[in-house]
N, C-alpha and C. Protein backbone atom coordinates (compact mmCIF):
# COMPACT_ATOMS: atom_id res chain seq x y z
N MET A 1 -44.79 -23.75 -14.13
CA MET A 1 -43.75 -24.13 -14.71
C MET A 1 -42.64 -23.91 -14.46
N LEU A 2 -41.77 -23.00 -13.58
CA LEU A 2 -40.48 -23.25 -13.08
C LEU A 2 -39.96 -23.72 -11.99
N GLN A 3 -41.31 -24.37 -11.13
CA GLN A 3 -40.89 -25.48 -10.09
C GLN A 3 -41.07 -26.54 -10.69
N LYS A 4 -41.64 -27.05 -12.31
CA LYS A 4 -41.11 -28.27 -12.81
C LYS A 4 -39.88 -28.45 -13.23
N LEU A 5 -38.98 -27.20 -14.15
CA LEU A 5 -37.58 -27.47 -14.19
C LEU A 5 -36.79 -27.39 -12.99
N LEU A 6 -37.06 -26.30 -11.77
CA LEU A 6 -36.24 -26.77 -10.85
C LEU A 6 -36.13 -28.26 -10.13
N ARG A 7 -37.10 -28.97 -10.35
CA ARG A 7 -37.03 -30.15 -9.67
C ARG A 7 -36.49 -31.28 -10.65
N TRP A 8 -37.08 -31.21 -12.05
CA TRP A 8 -36.20 -32.19 -13.23
C TRP A 8 -34.92 -32.12 -12.99
N ASN A 9 -34.90 -33.69 -12.70
CA ASN A 9 -33.30 -34.18 -13.14
C ASN A 9 -33.42 -35.24 -13.85
N PRO A 10 -32.31 -35.14 -14.95
CA PRO A 10 -32.18 -35.65 -16.47
C PRO A 10 -31.35 -37.02 -16.35
N THR A 11 -30.83 -37.06 -14.91
CA THR A 11 -30.24 -38.37 -14.59
C THR A 11 -29.95 -39.00 -12.91
N PRO A 12 -31.63 -39.32 -13.12
CA PRO A 12 -31.69 -39.81 -11.53
C PRO A 12 -31.50 -40.94 -11.44
N ASP A 13 -31.16 -42.11 -12.43
CA ASP A 13 -30.91 -43.59 -11.99
C ASP A 13 -29.04 -43.16 -12.00
N HIS A 14 -28.41 -42.22 -12.23
CA HIS A 14 -26.98 -42.03 -11.65
C HIS A 14 -26.64 -41.34 -10.73
N LYS A 15 -25.30 -41.67 -9.94
CA LYS A 15 -24.84 -41.60 -8.77
C LYS A 15 -24.23 -39.94 -9.13
N PRO A 16 -23.56 -39.23 -7.92
CA PRO A 16 -23.19 -37.96 -8.56
C PRO A 16 -21.83 -38.67 -9.01
N LEU A 17 -21.28 -37.51 -9.78
CA LEU A 17 -20.27 -37.95 -10.29
C LEU A 17 -18.42 -37.85 -9.64
N ASN A 18 -18.68 -37.00 -8.38
CA ASN A 18 -17.70 -37.45 -7.45
C ASN A 18 -17.68 -38.87 -6.23
N SER A 19 -18.95 -39.25 -6.39
CA SER A 19 -19.08 -39.89 -4.89
C SER A 19 -18.13 -41.84 -5.85
N GLY A 20 -17.51 -42.11 -4.33
CA GLY A 20 -17.16 -42.87 -4.78
C GLY A 20 -15.34 -42.54 -4.45
N CYS A 21 -15.34 -41.20 -5.16
CA CYS A 21 -13.50 -41.25 -5.06
C CYS A 21 -13.23 -40.66 -3.43
N ILE A 22 -12.61 -41.62 -2.89
CA ILE A 22 -11.96 -41.40 -1.54
C ILE A 22 -10.76 -40.29 -1.77
N GLY A 23 -11.10 -39.41 -0.89
CA GLY A 23 -10.00 -38.19 -0.56
C GLY A 23 -9.76 -37.52 -1.59
N GLN A 24 -10.74 -37.42 -2.84
CA GLN A 24 -10.82 -36.21 -3.56
C GLN A 24 -10.83 -34.51 -2.91
N GLY A 25 -11.48 -34.35 -2.04
CA GLY A 25 -11.04 -33.06 -1.65
C GLY A 25 -9.92 -33.01 -1.22
N VAL A 26 -8.95 -33.93 -0.83
CA VAL A 26 -7.90 -33.34 0.13
C VAL A 26 -6.65 -33.08 -1.04
N LYS A 27 -7.37 -34.14 -2.18
CA LYS A 27 -6.21 -33.91 -3.44
C LYS A 27 -6.47 -32.16 -4.05
N GLU A 28 -8.05 -31.95 -3.76
CA GLU A 28 -7.97 -30.42 -4.17
C GLU A 28 -7.09 -29.50 -4.27
N LYS A 29 -7.37 -29.73 -2.22
CA LYS A 29 -6.72 -28.55 -1.35
C LYS A 29 -5.41 -28.55 -1.57
N GLY A 30 -4.56 -29.10 -2.18
CA GLY A 30 -3.37 -28.72 -1.71
C GLY A 30 -3.20 -27.65 -2.82
N PRO A 31 -3.25 -27.90 -4.52
CA PRO A 31 -3.39 -26.47 -5.26
C PRO A 31 -4.07 -25.30 -4.77
N LEU A 32 -4.96 -25.79 -4.43
CA LEU A 32 -6.05 -24.29 -4.14
C LEU A 32 -4.63 -23.87 -2.81
N ILE A 33 -4.51 -24.47 -2.04
CA ILE A 33 -4.28 -23.65 -0.72
C ILE A 33 -2.03 -22.83 -0.86
N SER A 34 -1.86 -23.56 -2.11
CA SER A 34 -0.77 -23.02 -2.96
C SER A 34 -0.43 -22.02 -2.99
N PHE A 35 -2.21 -21.80 -4.27
CA PHE A 35 -2.58 -20.31 -4.23
C PHE A 35 -2.65 -19.44 -3.90
N ALA A 36 -3.38 -19.59 -2.63
CA ALA A 36 -3.53 -18.85 -1.99
C ALA A 36 -2.69 -18.55 -0.96
N ILE A 37 -0.95 -18.99 -1.00
CA ILE A 37 -0.63 -18.73 -0.49
C ILE A 37 0.20 -17.74 -1.58
N GLU A 38 0.55 -17.82 -2.67
CA GLU A 38 0.92 -17.21 -3.54
C GLU A 38 0.96 -16.22 -3.92
N LEU A 39 -1.10 -16.13 -3.97
CA LEU A 39 -1.75 -14.65 -3.97
C LEU A 39 -1.33 -13.82 -2.88
N ALA A 40 -1.89 -14.15 -1.31
CA ALA A 40 -0.75 -13.47 -0.15
C ALA A 40 0.44 -12.78 -0.43
N VAL A 41 1.22 -13.84 -0.70
CA VAL A 41 2.86 -13.15 -1.14
C VAL A 41 2.70 -11.83 -1.79
N TYR A 42 2.07 -12.04 -3.11
CA TYR A 42 2.89 -11.67 -4.07
C TYR A 42 1.81 -10.31 -3.92
N ALA A 43 0.52 -10.10 -2.98
CA ALA A 43 0.17 -8.95 -3.01
C ALA A 43 0.93 -8.24 -1.97
N VAL A 44 1.14 -9.07 -0.71
CA VAL A 44 2.44 -7.73 -0.24
C VAL A 44 3.34 -7.78 -1.21
N ILE A 45 4.06 -8.48 -1.77
CA ILE A 45 5.47 -7.90 -2.45
C ILE A 45 4.83 -6.61 -3.42
N VAL A 46 3.57 -6.90 -4.22
CA VAL A 46 3.08 -5.64 -4.99
C VAL A 46 3.19 -4.35 -4.12
N PHE A 47 2.28 -4.33 -2.91
CA PHE A 47 1.98 -3.20 -2.27
C PHE A 47 3.52 -2.46 -2.00
N ILE A 48 4.74 -3.34 -1.73
CA ILE A 48 5.78 -2.55 -0.60
C ILE A 48 6.28 -1.85 -2.50
N TYR A 49 6.60 -2.89 -3.41
CA TYR A 49 6.96 -2.63 -4.55
C TYR A 49 6.35 -0.95 -5.10
N PHE A 50 5.08 -0.90 -4.98
CA PHE A 50 4.51 0.37 -5.25
C PHE A 50 5.19 1.65 -4.72
N PHE A 51 4.78 1.40 -3.18
CA PHE A 51 5.13 2.26 -2.68
C PHE A 51 7.00 2.35 -2.61
N LEU A 52 7.67 1.73 -2.40
CA LEU A 52 8.96 2.13 -2.95
C LEU A 52 9.39 2.66 -4.71
N VAL A 53 8.32 2.43 -5.27
CA VAL A 53 8.63 3.53 -6.77
C VAL A 53 7.84 4.51 -6.58
N LEU A 54 7.00 4.64 -5.20
CA LEU A 54 6.43 5.77 -5.90
C LEU A 54 7.22 6.78 -4.76
N HIS A 55 7.62 6.61 -3.58
CA HIS A 55 9.13 6.83 -3.12
C HIS A 55 9.42 7.29 -3.51
N TYR A 56 10.33 6.78 -4.13
CA TYR A 56 11.79 6.93 -4.77
C TYR A 56 12.01 7.44 -6.21
N LEU A 57 11.29 6.68 -7.07
CA LEU A 57 10.99 7.54 -8.62
C LEU A 57 9.19 8.45 -9.09
N GLY A 58 8.94 8.42 -7.88
CA GLY A 58 7.27 9.27 -8.31
C GLY A 58 7.67 10.58 -8.95
N ASP A 59 8.95 11.55 -8.38
CA ASP A 59 8.90 12.58 -8.78
C ASP A 59 10.19 12.86 -10.54
N TRP A 60 10.77 11.52 -10.31
CA TRP A 60 11.13 11.71 -11.07
C TRP A 60 10.03 10.94 -12.82
N ILE A 61 9.09 10.54 -12.32
CA ILE A 61 8.64 9.87 -13.57
C ILE A 61 7.07 10.84 -13.28
N ALA A 62 7.23 11.56 -12.76
CA ALA A 62 5.93 12.71 -13.05
C ALA A 62 7.09 14.08 -13.81
N HIS A 63 8.11 14.28 -13.69
CA HIS A 63 8.94 15.11 -14.44
C HIS A 63 8.54 14.31 -15.73
N LEU A 64 9.53 13.58 -16.19
CA LEU A 64 9.02 12.54 -16.89
C LEU A 64 7.49 12.92 -18.14
N TYR A 65 6.12 12.84 -17.17
CA TYR A 65 5.33 12.48 -18.29
C TYR A 65 5.12 14.04 -18.48
N ARG A 66 5.15 14.87 -17.20
CA ARG A 66 4.86 16.97 -18.03
C ARG A 66 6.03 17.04 -19.44
N ASP A 67 7.10 16.28 -19.22
CA ASP A 67 8.44 17.36 -19.96
C ASP A 67 8.42 16.36 -21.48
N GLU A 68 8.82 14.96 -20.85
CA GLU A 68 9.13 14.00 -21.73
C GLU A 68 8.23 12.92 -22.04
N ARG A 69 7.69 13.05 -22.68
CA ARG A 69 6.31 12.01 -22.80
C ARG A 69 7.07 10.89 -23.58
N LYS A 70 7.82 10.75 -24.74
CA LYS A 70 8.45 9.22 -25.10
C LYS A 70 9.15 8.87 -24.59
N LEU A 71 10.08 9.37 -23.22
CA LEU A 71 10.78 8.87 -22.27
C LEU A 71 9.57 8.27 -21.31
N TYR A 72 8.56 8.86 -20.86
CA TYR A 72 8.05 8.37 -20.04
C TYR A 72 7.05 7.18 -20.43
N ALA A 73 6.55 6.99 -21.56
CA ALA A 73 6.50 5.69 -22.05
C ALA A 73 7.00 4.72 -21.55
N ILE A 74 8.33 4.57 -23.02
CA ILE A 74 9.54 4.03 -22.34
C ILE A 74 10.05 3.08 -20.99
N VAL A 75 9.78 4.04 -20.58
CA VAL A 75 10.07 3.67 -18.63
C VAL A 75 9.03 3.09 -17.72
N ALA A 76 8.00 3.64 -18.15
CA ALA A 76 6.66 2.68 -17.88
C ALA A 76 6.71 1.63 -18.25
N LEU A 77 7.42 1.63 -19.63
CA LEU A 77 6.96 -0.13 -19.97
C LEU A 77 7.88 -0.84 -18.94
N LEU A 78 9.49 -0.16 -19.02
CA LEU A 78 10.15 -0.86 -18.60
C LEU A 78 9.99 -1.49 -17.36
N LEU A 79 9.43 -0.48 -16.67
CA LEU A 79 9.34 -0.48 -15.39
C LEU A 79 8.06 -1.62 -14.79
N ILE A 80 7.25 -1.87 -16.02
CA ILE A 80 5.92 -3.04 -15.92
C ILE A 80 6.84 -4.55 -15.92
N VAL A 81 7.37 -3.85 -17.05
CA VAL A 81 7.63 -5.44 -17.14
C VAL A 81 8.91 -6.12 -16.24
N GLY A 82 9.88 -4.84 -15.73
CA GLY A 82 11.23 -5.41 -14.55
C GLY A 82 9.97 -5.62 -13.26
N GLN A 83 8.90 -4.95 -13.26
CA GLN A 83 8.18 -5.93 -12.17
C GLN A 83 7.46 -7.08 -12.15
N GLY A 84 6.88 -6.93 -13.69
CA GLY A 84 6.46 -8.72 -13.46
C GLY A 84 7.37 -9.60 -13.54
N ILE A 85 8.93 -9.74 -13.89
CA ILE A 85 9.75 -10.13 -13.85
C ILE A 85 10.25 -10.64 -12.52
N VAL A 86 11.10 -9.71 -11.88
CA VAL A 86 11.18 -9.61 -10.40
C VAL A 86 10.06 -10.02 -9.37
N LEU A 87 8.98 -9.68 -9.65
CA LEU A 87 8.19 -10.18 -8.71
C LEU A 87 7.95 -11.65 -8.60
N GLU A 88 8.06 -11.70 -10.19
CA GLU A 88 7.66 -13.60 -10.03
C GLU A 88 8.71 -14.35 -9.73
N MET A 89 9.86 -13.96 -9.58
CA MET A 89 11.13 -14.27 -9.12
C MET A 89 11.41 -14.53 -7.61
N LEU A 90 11.14 -13.35 -7.37
CA LEU A 90 10.23 -13.39 -6.00
C LEU A 90 9.53 -14.11 -5.76
N THR A 91 8.67 -14.50 -5.73
CA THR A 91 7.46 -15.23 -5.30
C THR A 91 7.40 -16.72 -5.49
N SER A 92 7.90 -16.72 -6.39
CA SER A 92 8.72 -18.51 -6.64
C SER A 92 9.69 -18.30 -5.37
N ALA A 93 10.47 -17.36 -5.85
CA ALA A 93 11.43 -18.15 -4.83
C ALA A 93 10.95 -18.43 -3.29
N LEU A 94 10.09 -17.39 -2.72
CA LEU A 94 9.56 -17.78 -1.48
C LEU A 94 8.60 -18.91 -1.37
N LEU A 95 7.87 -19.31 -2.66
CA LEU A 95 7.44 -20.46 -2.49
C LEU A 95 7.97 -21.59 -2.15
N ARG A 96 8.82 -21.63 -2.96
CA ARG A 96 9.95 -22.57 -2.87
C ARG A 96 10.55 -23.04 -1.30
N ILE A 97 10.86 -21.89 -0.37
CA ILE A 97 11.16 -22.20 0.66
C ILE A 97 9.81 -22.40 1.76
N ILE A 98 8.60 -21.87 1.51
CA ILE A 98 7.54 -22.08 2.07
C ILE A 98 7.72 -23.90 1.93
N ARG A 99 7.00 -24.41 0.73
CA ARG A 99 7.00 -25.89 0.60
C ARG A 99 8.22 -26.60 0.90
N ARG A 100 9.40 -26.33 1.20
CA ARG A 100 10.39 -26.97 1.74
C ARG A 100 10.59 -27.06 3.11
N GLY A 101 10.38 -26.05 3.55
CA GLY A 101 9.60 -25.81 5.21
C GLY A 101 9.20 -27.15 5.50
N LYS A 102 7.70 -27.29 4.47
CA LYS A 102 6.22 -27.92 4.57
C LYS A 102 6.51 -29.06 4.63
N TYR A 103 7.44 -29.39 3.85
CA TYR A 103 7.22 -30.84 3.38
C TYR A 103 8.40 -31.52 3.92
């Protein structure tokens, strides 16, 4: 029964959807390469950011966590939002530089 299901082809008379599209693979690689570059750049920046915050703000954040939880929550949220904004700006700027040199 399972072998019949695996061999069953509901549309045997039709060509595959991507047959006849010349250069389709080339067009699809551009966004994929851009995404891979962005992911790598973003990973490096997040790694550096994490250790900078840990090194310079680690003791202060630990103090806030122990003694002033409400202020700690506010600072943590501000760091998260700030990280998102700054890292997005850096990543976008670096990708613009990379793309400008490539094209």
